[in-house]
Amino acid sequence: MFAEVLRERVGSVVLLSEAQVAQLEQHFELLQRWNKVLNLTGLEKVDEIVERHYCESLFLGEHLPSGSVTIADVGSGAGFPGVPLAVLRPECLVTLIESHQRKSVFLREVTRELPNVRVTAVRAENVGGRFDWGLVRAVKFDGIERALRRWASHVAVLGGEDRPSNLCFTWNNPVKLPWGKNRYLWLGRTVPRETT
């Protein structure tokens, strides 16, 4: 049922191969099993899970620049948007950042067969290294904005119609998602630091 719903909902917005659909279905099946003991998603209906988690994540992946980019998914939780994005864009290196230890165990299990994914069990404030893109979906942006600026030159936020804080980032016009009401993708880049 998952595969049929995914193909129907994603339609011509994102083109997926049969292998990619199978990888996403495997993630979904593990999500369903683990969700019984670990609160990974509050959604229960397959169509809601497909739209809110998988379609939105794939939509984001389609809007990142082409080519190999490094991506950090902050507060990845059940692996959204990072896992579907890694399946869609195998040329990209995706780091799933999740400070909750049990959720990071789930992420390691679900990504064992995705060579372009690594899992880091730390808070956003303690992330090391640099990334081309930081992704934010289920985390309060204001709380991690300064940390993101330290290690990501661009940011993508899946959320509502209210513009995220512009303290550290400048934003493009939001892109309305084809699913759900008042769901938008915000793409931003760091504000140049003032030199004195």
Protein backbone atom coordinates (compact mmCIF):
# COMPACT_ATOMS: atom_id res chain seq x y z
CA MET A 1 0.00 0.00 0.00
CA PHE A 2 2.84 2.42 0.85
CA ALA A 3 4.37 2.22 -2.63
CA GLU A 4 1.06 2.90 -4.37
CA VAL A 5 0.25 5.87 -2.15
CA LEU A 6 3.75 7.29 -2.60
CA ARG A 7 3.61 7.01 -6.40
CA GLU A 8 0.16 8.61 -6.46
CA ARG A 9 1.01 11.50 -4.10
CA VAL A 10 4.45 12.33 -5.43
CA GLY A 11 3.14 12.11 -9.02
CA SER A 12 5.15 14.09 -11.51
CA VAL A 13 6.58 16.37 -8.80
CA VAL A 14 9.43 13.94 -8.09
CA LEU A 15 10.40 11.03 -10.34
CA LEU A 16 11.48 7.92 -8.44
CA SER A 17 12.91 4.66 -9.72
CA GLU A 18 11.52 1.32 -8.56
CA ALA A 19 14.68 0.82 -6.50
CA GLN A 20 14.16 4.17 -4.76
CA VAL A 21 10.52 3.35 -3.99
CA ALA A 22 11.65 0.00 -2.53
CA GLN A 23 14.25 1.75 -0.33
CA LEU A 24 11.64 4.20 0.96
CA GLU A 25 9.19 1.37 1.59
CA GLN A 26 11.84 -0.44 3.64
CA HIS A 27 12.30 2.73 5.73
CA PHE A 28 8.52 2.99 6.18
CA GLU A 29 8.24 -0.63 7.36
CA LEU A 30 10.99 -0.14 9.95
CA LEU A 31 9.38 3.14 11.02
CA GLN A 32 6.08 1.35 11.61
CA ARG A 33 7.75 -1.37 13.70
CA TRP A 34 9.93 0.93 15.80
CA ASN A 35 7.13 3.46 16.30
CA LYS A 36 5.34 0.93 18.51
CA VAL A 37 8.04 1.30 21.18
CA LEU A 38 9.68 4.62 20.30
CA ASN A 39 7.65 7.74 19.49
CA LEU A 40 8.97 8.50 16.00
CA THR A 41 5.79 9.93 14.46
CA GLY A 42 2.36 10.83 15.77
CA LEU A 43 0.78 10.25 12.36
CA GLU A 44 -0.98 6.91 11.88
CA LYS A 45 -2.65 6.93 8.45
CA VAL A 46 -0.44 5.84 5.56
CA ASP A 47 -1.52 8.71 3.31
CA GLU A 48 -0.73 11.29 6.02
CA ILE A 49 2.69 9.73 6.69
CA VAL A 50 3.48 9.64 2.97
CA GLU A 51 2.51 13.27 2.37
CA ARG A 52 3.93 14.89 5.50
CA HIS A 53 7.11 12.87 5.83
CA TYR A 54 8.11 11.38 2.49
CA CYS A 55 6.65 13.77 -0.11
CA GLU A 56 7.82 16.89 1.73
CA SER A 57 11.31 15.44 2.14
CA LEU A 58 11.54 14.48 -1.54
CA PHE A 59 10.25 17.92 -2.56
CA LEU A 60 13.04 19.51 -0.54
CA GLY A 61 15.58 17.24 -2.25
CA GLU A 62 14.36 18.39 -5.66
CA HIS A 63 14.94 22.03 -4.67
CA LEU A 64 18.56 21.70 -3.56
CA PRO A 65 21.25 22.50 -6.12
CA SER A 66 22.29 19.68 -8.44
CA GLY A 67 25.55 17.85 -7.94
CA SER A 68 27.26 16.53 -4.86
CA VAL A 69 26.53 18.63 -1.77
CA THR A 70 27.05 17.94 1.93
CA ILE A 71 23.87 18.06 3.97
CA ALA A 72 23.12 18.05 7.70
CA ASP A 73 19.58 17.14 8.79
CA VAL A 74 19.16 18.72 12.24
CA GLY A 75 16.88 16.89 14.67
CA SER A 76 16.37 14.10 12.17
CA GLY A 77 14.12 12.06 14.49
CA ALA A 78 12.69 9.30 12.29
CA GLY A 79 14.93 10.34 9.41
CA PHE A 80 12.99 13.17 7.83
CA PRO A 81 13.87 14.86 5.60
CA GLY A 82 17.36 13.26 5.51
CA VAL A 83 16.61 9.62 4.63
CA PRO A 84 14.25 10.24 1.67
CA LEU A 85 16.62 12.96 0.47
CA ALA A 86 19.58 10.53 0.63
CA VAL A 87 17.60 7.96 -1.35
CA LEU A 88 16.63 10.57 -3.97
CA ARG A 89 20.12 12.13 -4.15
CA PRO A 90 22.72 9.33 -3.74
CA GLU A 91 25.46 11.70 -4.90
CA CYS A 92 25.03 13.78 -1.73
CA LEU A 93 26.55 13.02 1.66
CA VAL A 94 23.79 13.32 4.29
CA THR A 95 24.50 13.54 8.02
CA LEU A 96 21.54 12.86 10.29
CA ILE A 97 21.96 14.83 13.52
CA GLU A 98 19.86 13.46 16.37
CA SER A 99 20.70 14.02 20.04
CA HIS A 100 18.10 11.53 21.34
CA GLN A 101 20.12 8.32 21.74
CA ARG A 102 17.32 5.83 21.04
CA LYS A 103 16.28 7.69 17.91
CA SER A 104 19.88 7.75 16.73
CA VAL A 105 19.97 3.93 17.17
CA PHE A 106 16.90 3.71 14.92
CA LEU A 107 18.57 5.97 12.36
CA ARG A 108 21.69 3.79 12.31
CA GLU A 109 19.57 0.70 11.79
CA VAL A 110 17.43 2.18 9.03
CA THR A 111 20.40 3.62 7.08
CA ARG A 112 22.75 0.61 7.16
CA GLU A 113 22.31 0.11 3.41
CA LEU A 114 22.64 3.79 2.49
CA PRO A 115 26.37 4.44 1.94
CA ASN A 116 25.84 8.20 1.62
CA VAL A 117 24.36 8.57 5.14
CA ARG A 118 26.00 8.87 8.52
CA VAL A 119 24.38 9.42 11.90
CA THR A 120 25.71 11.79 14.56
CA ALA A 121 24.20 11.64 18.05
CA VAL A 122 24.91 15.21 19.21
CA ARG A 123 23.04 18.47 19.75
CA ALA A 124 23.17 21.07 16.97
CA GLU A 125 25.36 23.29 19.16
CA ASN A 126 28.05 20.57 19.25
CA VAL A 127 28.21 19.72 15.56
CA GLY A 128 31.71 19.82 14.12
CA GLY A 129 32.75 20.33 10.53
CA ARG A 130 31.17 22.27 7.68
CA PHE A 131 28.19 21.51 5.46
CA ASP A 132 26.82 23.09 2.31
CA TRP A 133 23.24 22.79 3.61
CA GLY A 134 21.55 22.53 6.99
CA LEU A 135 17.99 21.15 6.96
CA VAL A 136 15.41 22.03 9.60
CA ARG A 137 11.98 20.48 9.83
CA ALA A 138 10.78 19.52 13.30
CA VAL A 139 13.10 21.75 15.34
CA LYS A 140 12.44 25.33 16.45
CA PHE A 141 14.62 27.34 14.06
CA ASP A 142 15.25 30.25 16.44
CA GLY A 143 16.81 27.84 18.93
CA ILE A 144 19.47 26.55 16.54
CA GLU A 145 19.96 29.46 14.13
CA ARG A 146 23.31 30.58 15.56
CA ALA A 147 24.64 27.02 15.65
CA LEU A 148 23.58 26.50 12.02
CA ARG A 149 25.43 29.62 10.95
CA ARG A 150 28.67 28.19 12.34
CA TRP A 151 28.63 25.08 10.21
CA ALA A 152 26.23 25.55 7.24
CA SER A 153 26.42 28.14 4.49
CA HIS A 154 22.84 27.50 3.32
CA VAL A 155 19.70 26.36 5.09
CA ALA A 156 16.38 24.82 4.06
CA VAL A 157 13.38 24.97 6.41
CA LEU A 158 10.18 22.97 5.92
CA GLY A 159 7.41 24.67 7.84
CA GLY A 160 4.65 27.23 7.84
CA GLU A 161 4.15 30.49 6.00
CA ASP A 162 5.87 32.64 8.62
CA ARG A 163 9.38 33.63 7.56
CA PRO A 164 12.06 32.09 9.79
CA SER A 165 14.25 34.46 11.78
CA ASN A 166 16.57 36.53 9.61
CA LEU A 167 19.20 37.19 12.26
CA CYS A 168 21.78 34.96 10.56
CA PHE A 169 20.18 34.08 7.21
CA THR A 170 18.56 35.83 4.26
CA TRP A 171 15.65 34.04 2.60
CA ASN A 172 14.36 33.43 -0.90
CA ASN A 173 10.63 33.69 -1.48
CA PRO A 174 8.99 30.60 0.02
CA VAL A 175 7.95 27.72 -2.21
CA LYS A 176 4.45 26.39 -1.43
CA LEU A 177 4.37 22.62 -1.07
CA PRO A 178 1.82 20.81 -3.27
CA TRP A 179 0.50 18.88 -0.24
CA GLY A 180 -1.22 20.14 2.89
CA LYS A 181 -2.33 23.62 3.84
CA ASN A 182 0.11 26.40 4.60
CA ARG A 183 3.22 24.23 4.16
CA TYR A 184 6.25 25.97 2.68
CA LEU A 185 9.90 25.41 1.86
CA TRP A 186 12.20 28.27 2.82
CA LEU A 187 15.70 28.40 1.32
CA GLY A 188 18.26 30.74 2.86
CA ARG A 189 21.93 31.59 2.93
CA THR A 190 24.10 33.05 5.63
CA VAL A 191 24.18 36.78 6.15
CA PRO A 192 27.73 38.02 5.56
CA ARG A 193 29.42 38.86 8.85
CA GLU A 194 30.28 42.49 9.38
CA THR A 195 33.98 43.21 9.41
CA THR A 196 35.36 45.90 11.68
